[in-house]
């Protein structure tokens, strides 16, 4: 019988697989990569939900402008014809294109001034650490980046 074709060869083992050391190295590499990637992923999620909220605030402002054209005032655009609170003219949550159970922000008419001639609308995050977004009838935009409930001069932007 030829030694090349023999089933019972002597010599090095032909078993294949991972050694414990190789497995530990692979697990360590996966751990390091996930430790680096997870914060970036979380940051991406926050940025994307904030962008959707900004878009929804702009659409909300458009609905308020339509309300003003029909009623000559922003007054009464809230639920039960109120001036502030949840809107009746737009979805009360963001993303407005999804179900309320998936909301990341609550949209409200924060204040009316000048006898209903000016407004401030707000996107309050469900997760408080993100900071509220504001849009004013005169076009100003604000992001309460530090979450203190007021806007400083440096916070009158959405990409501060």
Protein backbone atom coordinates (compact mmCIF):
# COMPACT_ATOMS: atom_id res chain seq x y z
CA UNK A 1 0.00 0.00 0.00
CA UNK A 2 1.24 3.44 -0.91
CA UNK A 3 2.02 5.67 2.09
CA UNK A 4 0.51 8.71 0.42
CA UNK A 5 -2.95 7.20 0.30
CA UNK A 6 -2.92 5.53 3.65
CA UNK A 7 -5.57 6.60 6.16
CA UNK A 8 -3.27 5.99 9.11
CA UNK A 9 -0.33 8.29 8.68
CA UNK A 10 2.12 9.02 11.39
CA UNK A 11 3.32 12.57 11.88
CA UNK A 12 1.76 15.95 12.60
CA UNK A 13 -1.91 16.06 13.50
CA UNK A 14 -4.28 17.09 10.73
CA UNK A 15 -6.94 18.42 13.13
CA UNK A 16 -7.91 22.03 12.53
CA UNK A 17 -9.53 24.56 14.87
CA UNK A 18 -8.77 27.46 17.16
CA UNK A 19 -6.51 27.30 20.13
CA UNK A 20 -7.58 28.95 23.36
CA UNK A 21 -5.01 31.71 22.82
CA UNK A 22 -6.35 32.51 19.33
CA UNK A 23 -9.89 32.64 20.68
CA UNK A 24 -8.87 34.99 23.51
CA UNK A 25 -7.12 37.31 21.05
CA UNK A 26 -10.21 37.39 18.80
CA UNK A 27 -12.48 38.20 21.76
CA UNK A 28 -10.11 40.96 22.90
CA UNK A 29 -10.09 42.52 19.41
CA UNK A 30 -13.90 42.45 19.23
CA UNK A 31 -14.07 44.04 22.68
CA UNK A 32 -11.70 46.85 21.74
CA UNK A 33 -13.50 47.58 18.47
CA UNK A 34 -16.92 47.62 20.15
CA UNK A 35 -15.62 49.91 22.92
CA UNK A 36 -14.51 52.40 20.28
CA UNK A 37 -17.51 52.01 17.96
CA UNK A 38 -20.38 52.14 20.50
CA UNK A 39 -19.96 55.81 21.53
CA UNK A 40 -19.77 56.80 17.87
CA UNK A 41 -22.95 54.89 17.19
CA UNK A 42 -24.73 56.58 20.11
CA UNK A 43 -23.58 59.99 18.86
CA UNK A 44 -24.91 59.15 15.40
CA UNK A 45 -28.32 58.22 16.85
CA UNK A 46 -28.55 61.48 18.83
CA UNK A 47 -27.52 63.56 15.81
CA UNK A 48 -30.00 61.85 13.52
CA UNK A 49 -32.95 62.25 15.93
CA UNK A 50 -31.99 65.91 16.45
CA UNK A 51 -31.94 66.45 12.67
CA UNK A 52 -35.40 64.90 12.36
CA UNK A 53 -36.66 67.14 15.18
CA UNK A 54 -35.25 70.20 13.40
CA UNK A 55 -37.05 69.17 10.23
CA UNK A 56 -40.28 68.60 12.16
CA UNK A 57 -39.96 72.02 13.82
CA UNK A 58 -39.68 73.63 10.38
CA UNK A 59 -42.76 71.73 9.16
CA UNK A 60 -44.56 72.74 12.37
CA UNK A 61 -43.64 76.39 11.68
CA UNK A 62 -45.08 76.02 8.19
CA UNK A 63 -48.36 74.78 9.66
CA UNK A 64 -48.41 77.73 12.05
CA UNK A 65 -47.96 80.07 9.08
CA UNK A 66 -50.95 78.43 7.36
CA UNK A 67 -52.94 78.86 10.58
CA UNK A 68 -52.02 82.55 10.66
CA UNK A 69 -53.10 83.01 7.04
CA UNK A 70 -56.50 81.54 7.84
CA UNK A 71 -56.98 83.23 11.25
CA UNK A 72 -54.81 86.39 11.02
CA UNK A 73 -53.02 85.28 14.22
CA UNK A 74 -51.03 82.40 15.64
CA UNK A 75 -53.44 82.32 18.59
CA UNK A 76 -55.62 79.24 18.93
CA UNK A 77 -53.23 76.83 17.16
CA UNK A 78 -53.00 74.58 20.22
CA UNK A 79 -55.29 71.75 21.24
CA UNK A 80 -58.75 73.04 22.32
CA UNK A 81 -57.92 76.38 20.63
CA UNK A 82 -55.32 77.18 23.28
CA UNK A 83 -52.39 79.48 22.54
CA UNK A 84 -49.67 77.25 24.00
CA UNK A 85 -49.06 73.57 24.64
CA UNK A 86 -49.58 70.66 22.27
CA UNK A 87 -50.37 71.75 18.73
CA UNK A 88 -53.65 71.09 16.98
CA UNK A 89 -52.20 72.09 13.61
CA UNK A 90 -49.33 69.56 13.62
CA UNK A 91 -48.26 66.31 15.22
CA UNK A 92 -47.31 66.69 18.88
CA UNK A 93 -44.23 64.50 18.61
CA UNK A 94 -41.12 63.97 16.54
CA UNK A 95 -40.44 61.99 14.40
CA UNK A 96 -43.86 63.10 13.15
CA UNK A 97 -43.78 60.42 10.45
CA UNK A 98 -43.74 57.61 13.05
CA UNK A 99 -46.07 56.42 15.79
CA UNK A 100 -46.18 58.38 19.05
CA UNK A 101 -44.68 55.37 20.82
CA UNK A 102 -41.45 55.95 18.86
CA UNK A 103 -41.16 59.63 19.73
CA UNK A 104 -37.84 61.19 20.58
CA UNK A 105 -39.15 64.75 21.07
CA UNK A 106 -42.39 66.36 22.25
CA UNK A 107 -43.39 69.34 20.11
CA UNK A 108 -45.18 72.26 21.76
CA UNK A 109 -46.11 75.87 21.19
CA UNK A 110 -43.91 77.28 23.93
CA UNK A 111 -45.10 80.87 23.90
CA UNK A 112 -47.04 83.52 21.97
CA UNK A 113 -46.24 87.18 22.16
CA UNK A 114 -47.26 90.49 20.63
CA UNK A 115 -50.95 89.60 20.82
CA UNK A 116 -50.55 86.40 18.82
CA UNK A 117 -48.26 87.93 16.18
CA UNK A 118 -45.12 86.00 17.23
CA UNK A 119 -44.41 82.53 18.55
CA UNK A 120 -41.74 80.27 19.92
CA UNK A 121 -42.09 76.54 19.35
CA UNK A 122 -40.13 73.89 21.17
CA UNK A 123 -38.94 70.32 20.64
CA UNK A 124 -38.36 68.90 24.12
CA UNK A 125 -36.38 65.65 24.04
CA UNK A 126 -37.81 62.61 25.75
CA UNK A 127 -34.26 61.86 26.95
CA UNK A 128 -33.40 65.00 28.90
CA UNK A 129 -29.66 64.91 28.25
CA UNK A 130 -30.05 66.06 24.64
CA UNK A 131 -31.25 69.65 25.19
CA UNK A 132 -34.38 71.31 23.79
CA UNK A 133 -34.60 72.84 20.32
CA UNK A 134 -36.44 76.13 19.71
CA UNK A 135 -37.71 77.91 16.63
CA UNK A 136 -38.97 81.50 16.63
CA UNK A 137 -41.43 83.11 14.23
CA UNK A 138 -38.73 85.58 13.18
CA UNK A 139 -36.51 82.70 11.98
CA UNK A 140 -34.16 82.42 14.94
CA UNK A 141 -33.17 78.92 15.99
CA UNK A 142 -31.93 77.84 19.40
CA UNK A 143 -30.56 74.74 21.05
CA UNK A 144 -30.38 74.61 24.84
CA UNK A 145 -27.14 72.69 24.61
CA UNK A 146 -26.36 72.69 28.32
CA UNK A 147 -29.96 71.89 29.33
CA UNK A 148 -30.33 74.75 31.81
CA UNK A 149 -33.73 75.86 30.46
CA UNK A 150 -32.56 79.18 29.00
CA UNK A 151 -30.71 80.17 25.85
CA UNK A 152 -27.47 82.10 26.02
CA UNK A 153 -26.25 84.15 23.05
CA UNK A 154 -23.99 81.26 21.97
CA UNK A 155 -26.93 78.82 21.89
CA UNK A 156 -28.89 80.60 19.16
CA UNK A 157 -28.03 78.02 16.54
CA UNK A 158 -28.86 74.41 15.88
CA UNK A 159 -25.29 73.25 15.21
CA UNK A 160 -23.46 75.02 18.05
